[in-house]
Protein backbone atom coordinates (compact mmCIF):
# COMPACT_ATOMS: atom_id res chain seq x y z
CA MET A 1 0.02 0.13 -0.11
CA ALA A 2 2.89 2.85 1.11
CA ARG A 3 4.62 1.69 -2.48
CA LYS A 4 1.40 2.38 -4.26
CA GLY A 5 1.14 5.70 -2.73
CA PHE A 6 4.69 6.68 -3.55
CA ILE A 7 4.34 5.78 -7.08
CA LEU A 8 1.52 7.71 -7.12
CA LEU A 9 3.37 10.70 -5.22
CA LEU A 10 6.42 9.91 -7.78
CA PHE A 11 4.46 10.42 -10.92
CA LEU A 12 2.17 13.46 -9.73
CA ALA A 13 5.88 14.99 -8.99
CA LEU A 14 7.46 14.13 -12.73
CA VAL A 15 3.69 15.35 -14.62
CA ASN A 16 3.73 19.00 -12.28
CA THR A 17 7.92 18.75 -13.31
CA PHE A 18 7.55 18.02 -17.15
CA SER A 19 4.34 20.42 -17.75
CA SER A 20 6.36 23.39 -15.90
CA ILE A 21 8.85 23.19 -18.14
CA SER A 22 6.73 22.61 -20.90
CA VAL A 23 4.99 26.44 -19.86
CA ALA A 24 8.38 27.63 -19.70
CA GLN A 25 9.67 26.53 -23.12
CA HIS A 26 6.42 28.80 -24.64
CA PRO A 27 6.01 31.91 -23.46
CA ALA A 28 2.58 33.42 -23.54
CA SER A 29 2.38 35.16 -26.75
CA VAL A 30 2.55 38.99 -26.55
CA ILE A 31 -0.87 40.60 -26.90
CA ASP A 32 -0.74 43.93 -29.56
CA VAL A 33 -2.58 46.73 -27.61
CA LEU A 34 -3.60 49.30 -29.48
CA PRO A 35 -2.82 52.96 -29.16
CA LEU A 36 -5.28 54.51 -26.96
CA ASN A 37 -6.10 58.41 -28.05
CA ARG A 38 -8.33 61.06 -28.89
CA SER A 39 -9.37 59.48 -31.96
CA SER A 40 -10.25 55.90 -30.91
CA PHE A 41 -13.46 57.12 -29.10
CA PRO A 42 -16.96 58.04 -31.23
CA LYS A 43 -16.93 61.68 -31.74
CA ASN A 44 -19.61 62.46 -29.81
CA PHE A 45 -17.80 60.44 -26.64
CA VAL A 46 -17.69 62.96 -23.58
CA PHE A 47 -15.06 62.23 -20.85
CA GLY A 48 -15.44 63.04 -16.82
CA THR A 49 -14.12 63.12 -14.19
CA ALA A 50 -15.56 62.33 -10.22
CA SER A 51 -14.24 63.61 -7.29
CA ALA A 52 -16.24 63.94 -3.63
CA SER A 53 -16.20 67.04 -1.72
CA TYR A 54 -14.58 65.28 1.17
CA GLN A 55 -11.40 65.57 -1.23
CA TYR A 56 -11.21 69.00 -1.62
CA GLU A 57 -13.50 71.19 1.40
CA GLY A 58 -11.96 70.78 4.62
CA ALA A 59 -13.34 72.82 6.88
CA ALA A 60 -15.85 69.65 8.33
CA ASN A 61 -17.05 71.56 11.13
CA GLU A 62 -17.47 75.48 9.55
CA GLY A 63 -20.40 77.62 8.26
CA GLY A 64 -23.06 74.70 9.64
CA ARG A 65 -21.14 72.09 7.69
CA LYS A 66 -21.53 68.79 9.53
CA PRO A 67 -19.33 66.04 9.87
CA SER A 68 -19.46 63.53 6.24
CA ILE A 69 -19.24 59.68 7.47
CA TRP A 70 -15.21 59.96 5.84
CA ASP A 71 -14.89 62.49 8.11
CA GLU A 72 -15.97 60.44 10.98
CA TYR A 73 -14.23 57.21 9.75
CA THR A 74 -10.69 59.25 9.32
CA HIS A 75 -10.68 60.55 13.00
CA LYS A 76 -11.72 56.74 14.52
CA HIS A 77 -9.65 54.85 12.30
CA PRO A 78 -6.80 57.14 11.57
CA GLU A 79 -4.49 53.55 11.58
CA ARG A 80 -6.33 52.65 8.42
CA ILE A 81 -5.39 55.43 6.35
CA ARG A 82 -2.01 55.23 5.03
CA ASP A 83 -0.47 58.24 5.97
CA GLY A 84 -2.76 58.76 8.91
CA THR A 85 -4.58 62.30 7.80
CA THR A 86 -7.11 63.40 7.69
CA ALA A 87 -9.39 65.53 5.00
CA ASP A 88 -9.73 68.39 7.77
CA LEU A 89 -8.12 71.01 5.95
CA GLY A 90 -7.77 69.16 2.17
CA VAL A 91 -7.39 71.88 -0.31
CA ASP A 92 -9.12 73.66 1.64
CA GLN A 93 -12.02 74.85 -1.18
CA TYR A 94 -14.89 75.25 1.03
CA ASN A 95 -13.11 78.96 2.25
CA ARG A 96 -11.43 79.65 -0.90
CA PHE A 97 -14.35 79.93 -2.84
CA LYS A 98 -15.41 83.08 -4.07
CA SER A 99 -12.74 84.70 -1.63
């Protein structure tokens, strides 16, 4: 019984080795990726972006503004933010708007 198990294990190891060698000898083909530029899109295609007030405003407790979910989250769990910062200041767009 032990001999059959050993032979099976040896067989599986050999199959694994030879399949790895076969893959290494035939690298995956390179996919030709076309360049991406404005003419790649339909004539009326509208490009867009998105952002959130949290990223720009800062001033979480000024002018009647209340803290957002993200304001509360970053204060409660600073260890979950890569550099531990909050957006209390942000780029301070809240105070710079129309100034």
